[in-house]
Every structure is written in structure tokens, then in C-alpha cells.
N, C-alpha and C. Protein backbone atom coordinates (compact mmCIF):
# COMPACT_ATOMS: atom_id res chain seq x y z
N UNK A 1 -8.37 16.88 -25.94
CA UNK A 1 -6.99 17.76 -24.83
C UNK A 1 -7.64 17.23 -23.73
N UNK A 2 -6.46 16.98 -23.35
CA UNK A 2 -6.25 16.28 -21.49
C UNK A 2 -5.88 17.50 -20.54
N UNK A 3 -5.64 18.47 -21.13
CA UNK A 3 -4.82 19.54 -20.40
C UNK A 3 -5.40 20.99 -20.79
N UNK A 4 -6.68 21.13 -20.75
CA UNK A 4 -7.61 22.35 -21.41
C UNK A 4 -7.21 23.49 -20.17
N UNK A 5 -6.39 24.46 -19.96
CA UNK A 5 -6.46 25.35 -19.28
C UNK A 5 -7.05 26.79 -19.63
N UNK A 6 -8.50 27.19 -19.32
CA UNK A 6 -8.29 28.36 -20.31
C UNK A 6 -8.13 29.66 -19.52
N UNK A 7 -8.46 29.38 -18.29
CA UNK A 7 -8.32 30.96 -17.07
C UNK A 7 -6.71 31.17 -16.75
N UNK A 8 -5.87 29.70 -17.22
CA UNK A 8 -4.41 30.09 -16.81
C UNK A 8 -3.30 30.41 -17.91
N UNK A 9 -4.32 30.01 -19.25
CA UNK A 9 -3.67 30.35 -20.56
C UNK A 9 -4.16 32.05 -21.06
N UNK A 10 -5.12 32.16 -20.60
CA UNK A 10 -5.64 33.60 -20.55
C UNK A 10 -4.99 34.70 -19.87
N UNK A 11 -4.75 34.00 -18.78
CA UNK A 11 -3.75 34.67 -17.82
C UNK A 11 -2.26 35.00 -18.49
N UNK A 12 -1.64 33.60 -18.65
CA UNK A 12 -0.76 33.89 -19.16
C UNK A 12 -0.41 34.63 -20.07
N UNK A 13 -1.17 34.74 -21.65
CA UNK A 13 -1.24 35.65 -22.60
C UNK A 13 -1.41 36.97 -21.89
N UNK A 14 -2.07 37.31 -21.18
CA UNK A 14 -2.20 38.29 -20.78
C UNK A 14 -1.07 39.39 -19.98
N UNK A 15 -0.08 38.30 -19.67
CA UNK A 15 1.27 38.65 -18.76
C UNK A 15 1.94 38.90 -19.76
N UNK A 16 2.15 37.79 -20.76
CA UNK A 16 3.08 38.06 -21.89
C UNK A 16 2.71 38.85 -22.65
N UNK A 17 1.66 39.56 -22.75
CA UNK A 17 1.09 41.10 -23.79
C UNK A 17 1.65 42.37 -22.77
N UNK A 18 1.11 41.92 -21.41
CA UNK A 18 1.53 43.45 -20.98
C UNK A 18 2.96 43.30 -21.02
N UNK A 19 4.06 42.57 -20.80
CA UNK A 19 5.30 42.78 -20.59
C UNK A 19 5.74 43.08 -22.00
N UNK A 20 5.27 42.69 -23.08
CA UNK A 20 5.78 42.93 -24.20
C UNK A 20 5.57 44.86 -24.34
N UNK A 21 4.65 44.91 -23.97
CA UNK A 21 3.78 46.49 -24.06
C UNK A 21 5.18 47.15 -23.13
N UNK A 22 4.88 46.69 -22.04
CA UNK A 22 6.03 47.15 -21.23
C UNK A 22 7.61 47.70 -21.07
N UNK A 23 8.03 46.69 -22.28
CA UNK A 23 9.37 46.82 -22.71
C UNK A 23 9.11 47.82 -23.74
N UNK A 24 8.02 48.09 -24.58
CA UNK A 24 8.05 48.75 -25.54
C UNK A 24 7.70 50.06 -25.63
N UNK A 25 6.87 50.47 -24.40
CA UNK A 25 6.37 51.72 -23.63
C UNK A 25 8.04 52.03 -22.71
N UNK A 26 8.19 51.39 -22.08
CA UNK A 26 9.56 51.81 -21.03
C UNK A 26 10.93 52.10 -21.73
N UNK A 27 11.05 51.08 -22.98
CA UNK A 27 12.87 50.84 -22.65
C UNK A 27 12.90 50.74 -24.78
N UNK A 28 11.52 50.96 -25.13
CA UNK A 28 11.29 51.33 -26.60
C UNK A 28 11.89 50.03 -27.24
N UNK A 29 12.34 48.97 -27.21
CA UNK A 29 12.47 47.79 -27.88
C UNK A 29 11.76 46.73 -27.69
N UNK A 30 11.65 46.04 -28.61
CA UNK A 30 10.73 44.95 -28.65
C UNK A 30 10.96 43.52 -28.32
N UNK A 31 10.27 43.16 -27.44
CA UNK A 31 10.29 41.96 -26.72
C UNK A 31 10.57 40.40 -27.37
N UNK A 32 11.43 40.52 -28.49
CA UNK A 32 11.97 39.31 -29.25
C UNK A 32 12.96 38.57 -28.43
N UNK A 33 12.94 37.34 -27.70
CA UNK A 33 13.91 36.54 -27.06
C UNK A 33 15.06 36.69 -27.82
N UNK A 34 14.96 36.19 -29.35
CA UNK A 34 16.34 35.47 -29.33
C UNK A 34 16.96 37.06 -30.15
N UNK A 35 16.47 38.06 -30.23
CA UNK A 35 17.05 39.40 -30.09
C UNK A 35 17.81 39.55 -28.85
N UNK A 36 16.85 39.52 -28.04
CA UNK A 36 17.54 39.76 -26.58
C UNK A 36 18.60 39.11 -26.12
N UNK A 37 18.50 37.70 -26.07
CA UNK A 37 19.40 36.87 -25.51
C UNK A 37 20.77 36.94 -26.58
N UNK A 38 20.20 36.98 -27.97
CA UNK A 38 21.62 37.53 -28.83
C UNK A 38 22.33 38.49 -28.27
N UNK A 39 21.83 39.65 -28.28
CA UNK A 39 22.75 40.83 -28.04
C UNK A 39 22.99 40.76 -26.16
N UNK A 40 22.81 40.03 -25.32
CA UNK A 40 22.98 39.36 -24.32
C UNK A 40 24.49 38.81 -24.37
N UNK A 41 24.88 38.09 -25.38
CA UNK A 41 25.48 37.02 -25.46
C UNK A 41 26.83 37.81 -26.57
N UNK A 42 26.12 38.91 -27.11
CA UNK A 42 27.32 39.81 -27.55
C UNK A 42 28.37 40.48 -27.15
N UNK A 43 29.69 40.27 -27.72
CA UNK A 43 30.49 40.94 -26.91
C UNK A 43 30.72 42.32 -27.85
N UNK A 44 30.21 43.23 -28.13
CA UNK A 44 29.91 44.52 -28.38
C UNK A 44 30.49 45.25 -27.34
N UNK A 45 30.51 46.49 -27.09
CA UNK A 45 30.65 47.11 -26.50
C UNK A 45 29.14 48.05 -26.35
N UNK A 46 28.29 47.19 -25.41
CA UNK A 46 27.07 48.08 -25.30
C UNK A 46 26.55 47.70 -23.80
N UNK A 47 27.56 47.84 -23.22
CA UNK A 47 27.45 47.55 -21.58
C UNK A 47 26.39 48.23 -20.63
N UNK A 48 25.41 49.33 -21.25
CA UNK A 48 24.61 49.81 -20.75
C UNK A 48 23.51 49.17 -21.51
N UNK A 49 23.52 48.49 -22.44
CA UNK A 49 22.19 47.39 -22.73
C UNK A 49 21.98 46.08 -22.06
N UNK A 50 23.26 45.38 -21.44
CA UNK A 50 23.06 44.74 -20.77
C UNK A 50 22.05 44.64 -19.74
N UNK A 51 22.46 45.40 -18.83
CA UNK A 51 21.09 45.16 -17.71
C UNK A 51 19.51 44.94 -18.02
N UNK A 52 19.09 45.33 -18.66
CA UNK A 52 18.08 45.16 -18.55
C UNK A 52 17.79 43.70 -19.82
N UNK A 53 18.37 43.51 -20.35
CA UNK A 53 18.92 41.83 -21.45
C UNK A 53 18.78 40.75 -20.09
N UNK A 54 19.60 41.26 -19.24
CA UNK A 54 19.62 40.09 -18.20
C UNK A 54 18.62 39.85 -17.84
N UNK A 55 18.47 41.13 -16.60
CA UNK A 55 17.19 41.01 -16.16
C UNK A 55 16.07 40.51 -16.91
N UNK A 56 15.80 40.91 -17.99
CA UNK A 56 14.62 39.66 -19.02
C UNK A 56 14.54 38.33 -18.98
N UNK A 57 16.32 38.03 -19.02
CA UNK A 57 16.12 36.68 -19.30
C UNK A 57 16.20 35.99 -17.45
N UNK A 58 16.73 36.63 -16.98
CA UNK A 58 16.70 36.18 -15.41
C UNK A 58 15.31 35.82 -14.94
N UNK A 59 14.83 36.81 -15.52
CA UNK A 59 12.89 36.64 -15.33
C UNK A 59 12.38 35.62 -16.15
N UNK A 60 12.96 35.29 -17.00
CA UNK A 60 12.30 34.03 -18.26
C UNK A 60 12.65 32.93 -17.06
N UNK A 61 13.96 32.57 -16.26
CA UNK A 61 14.42 31.60 -15.94
C UNK A 61 13.79 31.56 -14.47
N UNK A 62 13.49 32.75 -13.59
CA UNK A 62 13.32 33.10 -12.23
C UNK A 62 11.60 32.55 -12.36
N UNK A 63 11.05 33.12 -13.23
CA UNK A 63 9.30 32.47 -13.04
C UNK A 63 9.03 31.46 -12.83
N UNK A 64 9.57 30.15 -13.68
CA UNK A 64 9.12 28.66 -13.44
C UNK A 64 9.50 28.82 -12.10
N UNK A 65 10.62 28.83 -11.98
CA UNK A 65 10.94 27.83 -10.25
C UNK A 65 10.50 28.56 -9.23
N UNK A 66 10.04 30.13 -9.31
CA UNK A 66 9.19 30.53 -8.38
C UNK A 66 7.95 30.23 -8.51
N UNK A 67 7.56 29.86 -9.23
CA UNK A 67 5.90 28.99 -9.37
C UNK A 67 6.66 27.83 -8.26
N UNK A 68 7.22 27.25 -8.80
CA UNK A 68 7.35 25.72 -7.77
C UNK A 68 7.75 25.81 -6.26
N UNK A 69 8.23 27.47 -6.02
CA UNK A 69 8.79 27.86 -4.71
C UNK A 69 7.41 27.58 -4.17
N UNK A 70 6.65 28.39 -4.82
CA UNK A 70 5.34 28.64 -4.38
C UNK A 70 4.46 27.46 -4.37
N UNK A 71 4.55 26.36 -4.54
CA UNK A 71 3.80 25.32 -4.31
C UNK A 71 2.73 24.79 -5.71
N UNK A 72 3.56 25.66 -6.70
CA UNK A 72 2.93 25.46 -8.15
C UNK A 72 3.16 23.85 -8.64
N UNK A 73 2.84 23.46 -9.44
CA UNK A 73 3.31 22.24 -10.00
C UNK A 73 3.97 22.29 -11.18
N UNK A 74 4.93 21.68 -11.02
CA UNK A 74 5.98 21.35 -12.31
C UNK A 74 5.59 20.48 -13.39
N UNK A 75 5.62 20.97 -14.77
CA UNK A 75 4.83 20.09 -15.54
C UNK A 75 5.39 18.52 -16.09
N UNK A 76 5.27 17.96 -16.06
CA UNK A 76 5.49 16.64 -16.47
C UNK A 76 6.60 16.66 -17.97
N UNK A 77 7.97 16.48 -18.01
CA UNK A 77 8.20 16.52 -19.60
C UNK A 77 9.21 14.86 -19.40
N UNK A 78 8.50 14.87 -21.12
CA UNK A 78 9.51 13.88 -21.30
C UNK A 78 9.66 13.87 -22.94
N UNK A 79 10.71 13.10 -22.92
CA UNK A 79 11.56 13.16 -24.33
C UNK A 79 11.59 12.46 -24.97
N UNK A 80 10.72 12.08 -26.62
CA UNK A 80 10.51 11.27 -27.25
C UNK A 80 11.82 10.77 -28.22
N UNK A 81 12.48 11.89 -28.79
CA UNK A 81 13.82 11.77 -29.45
C UNK A 81 14.89 11.71 -28.70
N UNK A 82 15.99 11.47 -29.30
CA UNK A 82 17.17 11.28 -28.76
C UNK A 82 17.66 12.96 -28.55
N UNK A 83 19.02 12.58 -27.25
CA UNK A 83 19.24 13.85 -26.89
C UNK A 83 19.90 14.57 -27.98
N UNK A 84 20.56 13.74 -28.30
CA UNK A 84 21.62 14.43 -29.67
C UNK A 84 20.31 15.17 -30.84
N UNK A 85 19.73 14.72 -31.10
CA UNK A 85 18.68 15.39 -32.18
C UNK A 85 17.91 16.47 -31.66
N UNK A 86 17.85 16.64 -30.31
CA UNK A 86 17.34 17.77 -29.27
C UNK A 86 17.98 18.98 -29.91
N UNK A 87 19.46 18.69 -29.08
CA UNK A 87 20.53 19.71 -29.45
C UNK A 87 20.35 20.01 -31.09
N UNK A 88 20.71 19.66 -32.12
CA UNK A 88 20.32 19.45 -33.30
C UNK A 88 19.43 20.63 -33.82
N UNK A 89 17.95 19.67 -33.63
CA UNK A 89 17.10 21.15 -33.33
C UNK A 89 17.01 22.47 -32.96
N UNK A 90 17.59 22.11 -31.76
CA UNK A 90 17.62 23.60 -31.14
C UNK A 90 18.67 24.68 -31.83
N UNK A 91 19.88 24.07 -32.12
CA UNK A 91 20.67 24.49 -32.84
C UNK A 91 20.36 25.12 -34.27
N UNK A 92 19.31 24.50 -35.11
CA UNK A 92 18.63 24.95 -36.00
C UNK A 92 17.53 25.80 -36.20
N UNK A 93 16.98 25.77 -34.91
CA UNK A 93 15.97 27.16 -34.48
C UNK A 93 16.87 28.16 -34.37
N UNK A 94 17.94 28.14 -33.86
CA UNK A 94 18.61 29.47 -33.50
C UNK A 94 19.41 30.08 -34.64
N UNK A 95 19.63 28.92 -35.91
CA UNK A 95 19.38 29.49 -37.30
C UNK A 95 19.27 29.98 -37.62
N UNK A 96 17.49 29.23 -37.37
CA UNK A 96 16.49 30.01 -38.08
C UNK A 96 16.29 31.38 -37.74
N UNK A 97 16.09 31.70 -36.36
CA UNK A 97 16.06 33.29 -35.83
C UNK A 97 16.86 34.09 -36.20
N UNK A 98 18.59 33.51 -36.51
CA UNK A 98 19.07 34.60 -37.25
C UNK A 98 18.45 34.65 -39.03
N UNK A 99 18.83 33.87 -39.41
CA UNK A 99 17.41 33.95 -40.82
C UNK A 99 16.74 34.71 -40.98
N UNK A 100 15.86 34.68 -40.08
CA UNK A 100 14.45 35.04 -40.26
C UNK A 100 14.05 36.59 -39.89
N UNK A 101 15.31 36.97 -39.40
CA UNK A 101 15.29 38.07 -38.56
C UNK A 101 14.64 38.13 -37.31
N UNK A 102 14.89 36.92 -36.30
CA UNK A 102 13.69 37.29 -35.31
C UNK A 102 13.19 35.84 -35.04
N UNK A 103 12.42 35.87 -34.25
CA UNK A 103 12.10 34.73 -33.53
C UNK A 103 10.22 34.79 -33.25
N UNK A 104 9.43 34.14 -32.71
CA UNK A 104 7.85 34.23 -32.60
C UNK A 104 7.29 34.76 -32.06
N UNK A 105 8.67 34.89 -30.53
CA UNK A 105 7.71 35.92 -29.61
C UNK A 105 8.40 37.74 -30.72
N UNK A 106 9.15 37.84 -31.19
CA UNK A 106 9.29 39.33 -31.84
C UNK A 106 8.58 39.72 -32.85
N UNK A 107 8.43 38.22 -33.63
CA UNK A 107 7.43 38.25 -34.73
C UNK A 107 5.77 38.09 -34.51
N UNK A 108 6.14 37.15 -34.03
CA UNK A 108 4.25 36.65 -33.77
C UNK A 108 3.59 37.41 -32.56
N UNK A 109 4.26 37.93 -31.47
CA UNK A 109 3.63 39.00 -30.33
C UNK A 109 3.84 40.10 -30.75
N UNK A 110 4.82 40.64 -30.65
CA UNK A 110 5.00 41.99 -31.08
C UNK A 110 5.09 42.75 -32.12
N UNK A 111 5.48 42.26 -33.43
CA UNK A 111 4.92 42.19 -35.21
C UNK A 111 3.67 42.29 -35.00
N UNK A 112 3.17 41.03 -35.20
CA UNK A 112 1.64 41.20 -35.48
C UNK A 112 0.92 42.30 -35.02
N UNK A 113 1.20 42.51 -33.41
CA UNK A 113 0.15 43.35 -32.53
C UNK A 113 0.76 45.08 -33.32
N UNK A 114 2.02 44.71 -34.20
CA UNK A 114 2.24 46.09 -34.58
C UNK A 114 2.04 46.33 -36.11
N UNK A 115 1.13 45.27 -36.62
CA UNK A 115 0.47 44.97 -38.26
C UNK A 115 1.94 45.16 -39.01
N UNK A 116 2.86 44.21 -38.30
CA UNK A 116 4.06 44.59 -39.89
C UNK A 116 4.08 43.90 -40.35
N UNK A 117 3.85 43.85 -41.98
CA UNK A 117 3.97 42.83 -43.00
C UNK A 117 4.87 41.66 -42.49
N UNK A 118 6.15 42.41 -42.62
CA UNK A 118 7.21 41.34 -42.47
C UNK A 118 6.79 40.05 -41.44
N UNK A 119 6.37 40.74 -40.20
CA UNK A 119 6.03 39.43 -39.42
C UNK A 119 5.48 38.83 -39.94
N UNK A 120 4.27 39.57 -40.27
CA UNK A 120 3.16 38.63 -40.99
C UNK A 120 3.61 37.48 -41.27
N UNK A 121 4.38 37.96 -42.06
CA UNK A 121 4.88 36.52 -43.51
C UNK A 121 6.10 35.75 -42.40
N UNK A 122 6.77 36.09 -41.51
CA UNK A 122 7.42 35.34 -41.05
C UNK A 122 6.82 34.74 -40.30
N UNK A 123 5.97 34.91 -39.46
CA UNK A 123 4.86 33.70 -38.26
C UNK A 123 4.27 33.00 -39.69
N UNK A 124 3.60 32.97 -40.11
CA UNK A 124 3.36 32.21 -41.21
C UNK A 124 3.97 31.10 -41.67
N UNK A 125 5.18 31.34 -42.22
CA UNK A 125 6.40 30.59 -42.45
C UNK A 125 6.65 29.99 -41.51
N UNK A 126 6.94 30.38 -40.16
CA UNK A 126 7.32 29.60 -38.91
C UNK A 126 6.51 28.40 -38.56
N UNK A 127 4.67 28.92 -38.77
CA UNK A 127 4.19 28.00 -38.25
C UNK A 127 4.19 26.95 -39.71
N UNK A 128 4.08 27.79 -40.31
CA UNK A 128 4.09 25.98 -41.71
C UNK A 128 4.93 25.26 -41.54
N UNK A 129 6.85 25.70 -41.65
CA UNK A 129 7.49 24.66 -41.10
C UNK A 129 7.58 24.48 -39.62
N UNK A 130 6.82 24.68 -39.02
CA UNK A 130 6.93 23.65 -37.70
C UNK A 130 5.25 22.85 -37.78
N UNK A 131 4.59 23.14 -38.52
CA UNK A 131 3.23 22.13 -39.13
C UNK A 131 3.66 21.01 -39.65
N UNK A 132 4.68 21.53 -40.90
CA UNK A 132 5.23 20.18 -41.58
C UNK A 132 6.34 19.46 -40.88
N UNK A 133 7.53 20.25 -40.17
CA UNK A 133 8.38 19.24 -38.96
C UNK A 133 7.38 18.71 -38.21
N UNK A 134 6.44 18.62 -37.50
CA UNK A 134 5.59 17.92 -37.01
C UNK A 134 5.27 16.91 -37.61
N UNK A 135 4.37 16.79 -38.71
CA UNK A 135 4.17 15.72 -39.45
C UNK A 135 5.00 14.69 -40.24
N UNK A 136 6.31 15.63 -40.92
CA UNK A 136 7.48 14.91 -41.13
C UNK A 136 7.63 13.80 -39.87
N UNK A 137 7.71 14.25 -38.68
CA UNK A 137 8.34 13.73 -37.64
C UNK A 137 7.68 12.35 -36.87
N UNK A 138 6.09 13.05 -36.94
CA UNK A 138 5.13 12.10 -36.25
C UNK A 138 4.96 10.61 -37.49
N UNK A 139 4.68 11.28 -38.77
CA UNK A 139 4.08 10.48 -39.52
C UNK A 139 5.09 9.57 -40.84
N UNK A 140 6.14 10.35 -40.99
CA UNK A 140 7.15 9.74 -42.08
C UNK A 140 8.54 9.13 -41.12
N UNK A 141 8.85 10.01 -39.93
CA UNK A 141 10.22 9.03 -38.89
C UNK A 141 9.92 8.19 -38.58
N UNK A 142 8.95 8.78 -37.59
CA UNK A 142 8.33 7.94 -36.49
C UNK A 142 7.35 6.65 -37.25
N UNK A 143 6.03 7.05 -38.06
CA UNK A 143 5.66 6.24 -38.96
C UNK A 143 4.73 5.85 -38.44
N UNK A 144 4.18 6.81 -37.57
CA UNK A 144 2.79 7.05 -36.59
C UNK A 144 1.45 6.97 -37.77
């Protein structure tokens, strides 16, 4: 492990947990990012519902920008896959969140914390599929 950061990871996890609890207690909503974003992009008549969704997504975008503006270091990013493949993978993840009725944040963080059997199974399937995809990508497609 090159970048083992237990304290910042612990602090980040605590902030995620705190925000999920705050959203549930103050708004009665589950902090599932795919549900929040899809509700924001929905064209149904839910105008009062859009404000908190927009604020949540804006916070997701503004927080890392704020870190950089405050002098934090932006993590280095590199892509080993071609850009079209990354777009296809993103579309498949989006389709999977619809098919799974939620994403890892909704099921993995909020659902497991509420001891939801559906979320526990969904998170196990997400993890197994991610491990299988990483294995196939690394050892079969790339040939490592």
C-alpha cells in the first residue's frame, strides 16, 4: 500500500456517515447518490424536492474543489482504459443502479446500517461483480 491514510480515511468515513444520518433525520431521505441524481434529472412535477437534491449534488462537486482552493493536494489521476470504454462502463454502472434499485451509497452505507436484508444482498452482489470485473479486466483482457 503506497497511500495508507488511516486518519483522513476515518475522518472521511465519519463525514459520510454524519451526512447520511443528517439527511435521514432532517429530511427523511436515504443518501443514495443515484436516487438523488436521478430525482434531480427527472422531469416530473417535484419542484420542492429539487432544492435539497441540487444542494447535495452541488456539495459533492464543491467539496473537492474547496479542498484544492484551501491548499489541499489534488490526487493524481490516470486512466489505463480508452475513454470510450470508460463511458460504456459508466453507462453500465448507471443501468446497474436502476436494475439494482440503488447504488453502493444507498445500499452499502445507508441500507446495511439499517440492517436491510435487500441492501445486504445488493451490496454483496455489487462487491462480487466489482471483484470479478477487476479480475477479468486485469488478468484476462490486459493479460497481467
